[in-house]
C-alpha cells in the first residue's frame, strides 16, 4: 500500500491515532525551522509540538510558508519556559530526551526505548543548542552520529532524522 492510499484530511488527522512522541522546541529563532517541524510532525503523525521560550507560534509568516498548512491541524501548545513544558509532559507520562551532544549522550543508533513508551524530544536553539539546565532535566541526551568536520546539523534536519527513528522504534501510529 502506498502512502497515497492512507492520506488523511486535516479533519481526519485530528482524530487519527498518533505516535507516542512530542516535539519540544526550545528558543528556535527561525520560523522556517518551526514550520519544518510542523510538516515533519504531520508526516509522522506526531502527538504534538510544545513551543517554548521565544520560539515563534503560528500564524507567523515563515512558519506558514514552510509548514504548508500543517500548523492548522498539528496540535501545538505554547509554554513560557521549557521547564514548564517538561513538567506538563512528565505529568502526562512522557519520558524526556534532550537532543544534544554531551559527554554522556547516547547515540541515536543505540537508543532502545521501550516500544509503546511515550517520549518528548527537546530540540534547541540553532546556535546554542538545548540549554544545559534543560538537558539536566532530561532522562537521556541523544545525539546523531556524525562523521564530517562540523559535527552539526540544522535543527529541522536533525528533527527529521530523530523523529523518524523515534517513531520507528516506538511504533508507527495506527
Protein backbone atom coordinates (compact mmCIF):
# COMPACT_ATOMS: atom_id res chain seq x y z
CA UNK A 1 0.00 0.00 0.00
CA UNK A 2 1.43 3.40 -0.92
CA UNK A 3 1.24 6.46 1.33
CA UNK A 4 -1.28 7.92 -1.12
CA UNK A 5 -3.71 5.17 -0.11
CA UNK A 6 -3.54 6.27 3.53
CA UNK A 7 -3.55 10.06 3.09
CA UNK A 8 -5.63 11.83 5.75
CA UNK A 9 -7.63 15.02 5.54
CA UNK A 10 -6.87 17.71 8.14
CA UNK A 11 -10.08 16.76 9.97
CA UNK A 12 -9.31 13.04 9.99
CA UNK A 13 -5.73 13.79 11.11
CA UNK A 14 -7.01 15.38 14.31
CA UNK A 15 -8.88 12.18 15.27
CA UNK A 16 -6.33 9.65 13.96
CA UNK A 17 -4.07 7.72 16.37
CA UNK A 18 -0.75 9.50 16.93
CA UNK A 19 2.78 8.32 17.57
CA UNK A 20 3.78 8.42 21.26
CA UNK A 21 6.16 11.30 20.52
CA UNK A 22 6.02 15.01 21.34
CA UNK A 23 8.33 17.64 19.93
CA UNK A 24 9.59 20.32 22.33
CA UNK A 25 11.16 23.34 20.63
CA UNK A 26 13.31 25.48 22.91
CA UNK A 27 14.04 29.03 21.73
CA UNK A 28 14.07 28.27 18.00
CA UNK A 29 14.68 31.60 16.31
CA UNK A 30 13.72 30.69 12.73
CA UNK A 31 10.06 30.43 11.83
CA UNK A 32 11.14 28.38 8.81
CA UNK A 33 12.62 25.75 11.15
CA UNK A 34 9.48 25.75 13.29
CA UNK A 35 7.37 25.28 10.17
CA UNK A 36 9.57 22.38 9.08
CA UNK A 37 8.89 20.68 12.42
CA UNK A 38 5.15 21.10 11.88
CA UNK A 39 5.47 19.48 8.49
CA UNK A 40 7.51 16.58 9.88
CA UNK A 41 5.02 16.19 12.75
CA UNK A 42 2.26 15.92 10.16
CA UNK A 43 4.15 13.39 8.04
CA UNK A 44 4.90 11.11 11.00
CA UNK A 45 1.62 11.78 12.86
CA UNK A 46 3.46 13.06 15.95
CA UNK A 47 1.34 13.68 19.07
CA UNK A 48 2.06 17.42 19.03
CA UNK A 49 4.54 20.25 19.42
CA UNK A 50 5.40 22.30 22.50
CA UNK A 51 6.71 25.78 21.66
CA UNK A 52 8.91 27.17 24.43
CA UNK A 53 10.54 30.49 25.20
CA UNK A 54 10.80 32.82 22.23
CA UNK A 55 10.04 30.12 19.66
CA UNK A 56 7.62 31.62 17.13
CA UNK A 57 3.99 30.48 17.14
CA UNK A 58 1.60 30.11 14.23
CA UNK A 59 0.38 32.06 12.31
CA UNK A 60 3.85 33.62 11.95
CA UNK A 61 4.58 34.10 8.23
CA UNK A 62 7.71 31.91 7.95
CA UNK A 63 6.03 29.08 9.84
CA UNK A 64 3.09 29.18 7.44
CA UNK A 65 5.47 29.23 4.47
CA UNK A 66 7.39 26.07 5.43
CA UNK A 67 4.59 24.20 7.26
CA UNK A 68 2.40 24.18 4.13
CA UNK A 69 -0.78 24.05 6.22
CA UNK A 70 0.39 21.52 8.85
CA UNK A 71 0.25 24.16 11.60
CA UNK A 72 -3.53 24.23 11.14
CA UNK A 73 -4.06 20.61 12.25
CA UNK A 74 -0.96 19.51 14.21
CA UNK A 75 -1.66 20.22 17.88
CA UNK A 76 0.66 22.76 19.48
CA UNK A 77 0.97 24.22 22.95
CA UNK A 78 2.84 27.39 23.94
CA UNK A 79 4.94 27.47 27.12
CA UNK A 80 6.76 30.39 28.68
CA UNK A 81 9.65 28.09 29.63
CA UNK A 82 10.90 24.66 28.63
CA UNK A 83 10.80 23.66 32.29
CA UNK A 84 7.03 24.24 32.31
CA UNK A 85 6.64 22.11 29.19
CA UNK A 86 8.72 19.28 30.69
CA UNK A 87 6.72 19.34 33.92
CA UNK A 88 3.44 19.17 31.98
CA UNK A 89 4.71 16.36 29.74
CA UNK A 90 6.04 14.33 32.69
CA UNK A 91 2.59 14.60 34.30
CA UNK A 92 1.20 13.01 31.11
CA UNK A 93 3.67 10.10 31.38
CA UNK A 94 6.28 11.25 28.87
CA UNK A 95 9.97 10.44 29.21
CA UNK A 96 12.21 13.34 28.21
CA UNK A 97 15.13 13.20 25.78
CA UNK A 98 17.38 16.16 25.08
CA UNK A 99 18.72 16.07 21.55
CA UNK A 100 22.19 17.35 22.28
CA UNK A 101 25.84 16.37 22.08
CA UNK A 102 27.11 15.90 25.63
CA UNK A 103 29.87 13.80 27.22
CA UNK A 104 27.15 11.35 28.34
CA UNK A 105 24.88 11.41 25.29
CA UNK A 106 23.72 8.14 23.74
CA UNK A 107 23.93 7.53 20.03
CA UNK A 108 20.51 7.53 18.37
CA UNK A 109 21.56 4.19 16.87
CA UNK A 110 21.98 2.67 20.36
CA UNK A 111 18.86 4.22 21.92
CA UNK A 112 16.45 1.44 22.86
CA UNK A 113 13.21 2.93 24.15
CA UNK A 114 10.57 0.50 25.33
CA UNK A 115 8.09 0.03 22.47
CA UNK A 116 4.88 1.89 23.21
CA UNK A 117 6.51 4.21 25.78
CA UNK A 118 5.93 7.96 25.46
CA UNK A 119 8.80 10.30 24.64
CA UNK A 120 9.14 14.07 24.43
CA UNK A 121 12.15 15.09 22.35
CA UNK A 122 13.68 18.50 23.11
CA UNK A 123 15.35 20.35 20.23
CA UNK A 124 17.28 23.54 20.98
CA UNK A 125 18.30 26.87 19.59
CA UNK A 126 20.04 26.86 16.21
CA UNK A 127 23.26 28.33 17.65
CA UNK A 128 23.38 27.31 21.32
CA UNK A 129 21.50 24.00 21.18
CA UNK A 130 19.47 22.73 24.13
CA UNK A 131 20.19 24.71 27.30
CA UNK A 132 22.35 22.81 29.82
CA UNK A 133 19.67 23.19 32.51
CA UNK A 134 17.13 21.62 30.16
CA UNK A 135 19.46 18.72 29.36
CA UNK A 136 19.93 18.23 33.12
CA UNK A 137 16.14 17.76 33.47
CA UNK A 138 16.04 15.11 30.72
CA UNK A 139 16.09 11.35 31.25
CA UNK A 140 18.64 10.96 28.46
CA UNK A 141 20.62 13.00 25.96
CA UNK A 142 20.58 11.62 22.42
CA UNK A 143 22.84 12.50 19.53
CA UNK A 144 23.02 11.60 15.86
CA UNK A 145 26.36 10.03 14.90
CA UNK A 146 28.15 12.40 12.50
CA UNK A 147 31.32 11.91 10.53
CA UNK A 148 32.13 15.29 8.98
CA UNK A 149 34.08 18.34 10.05
CA UNK A 150 31.24 20.42 11.52
CA UNK A 151 29.54 17.72 13.64
CA UNK A 152 26.42 19.86 13.40
CA UNK A 153 23.08 19.69 11.57
CA UNK A 154 20.36 22.26 11.01
CA UNK A 155 17.82 21.76 13.80
CA UNK A 156 14.97 20.88 11.44
CA UNK A 157 17.14 18.36 9.58
CA UNK A 158 18.14 16.88 12.94
CA UNK A 159 14.45 16.78 13.85
CA UNK A 160 13.53 14.81 10.76
CA UNK A 161 16.19 12.19 11.46
CA UNK A 162 15.47 11.85 15.18
CA UNK A 163 11.70 11.84 14.78
CA UNK A 164 11.76 9.16 12.09
CA UNK A 165 13.97 6.98 14.29
CA UNK A 166 11.79 7.60 17.36
CA UNK A 167 8.59 6.65 15.54
CA UNK A 168 10.29 3.62 14.00
CA UNK A 169 11.50 2.41 17.40
CA UNK A 170 8.36 3.28 19.41
CA UNK A 171 5.83 2.10 16.85
CA UNK A 172 4.15 3.70 13.90
CA UNK A 173 0.75 5.30 14.60
CA UNK A 174 -2.45 3.47 13.82
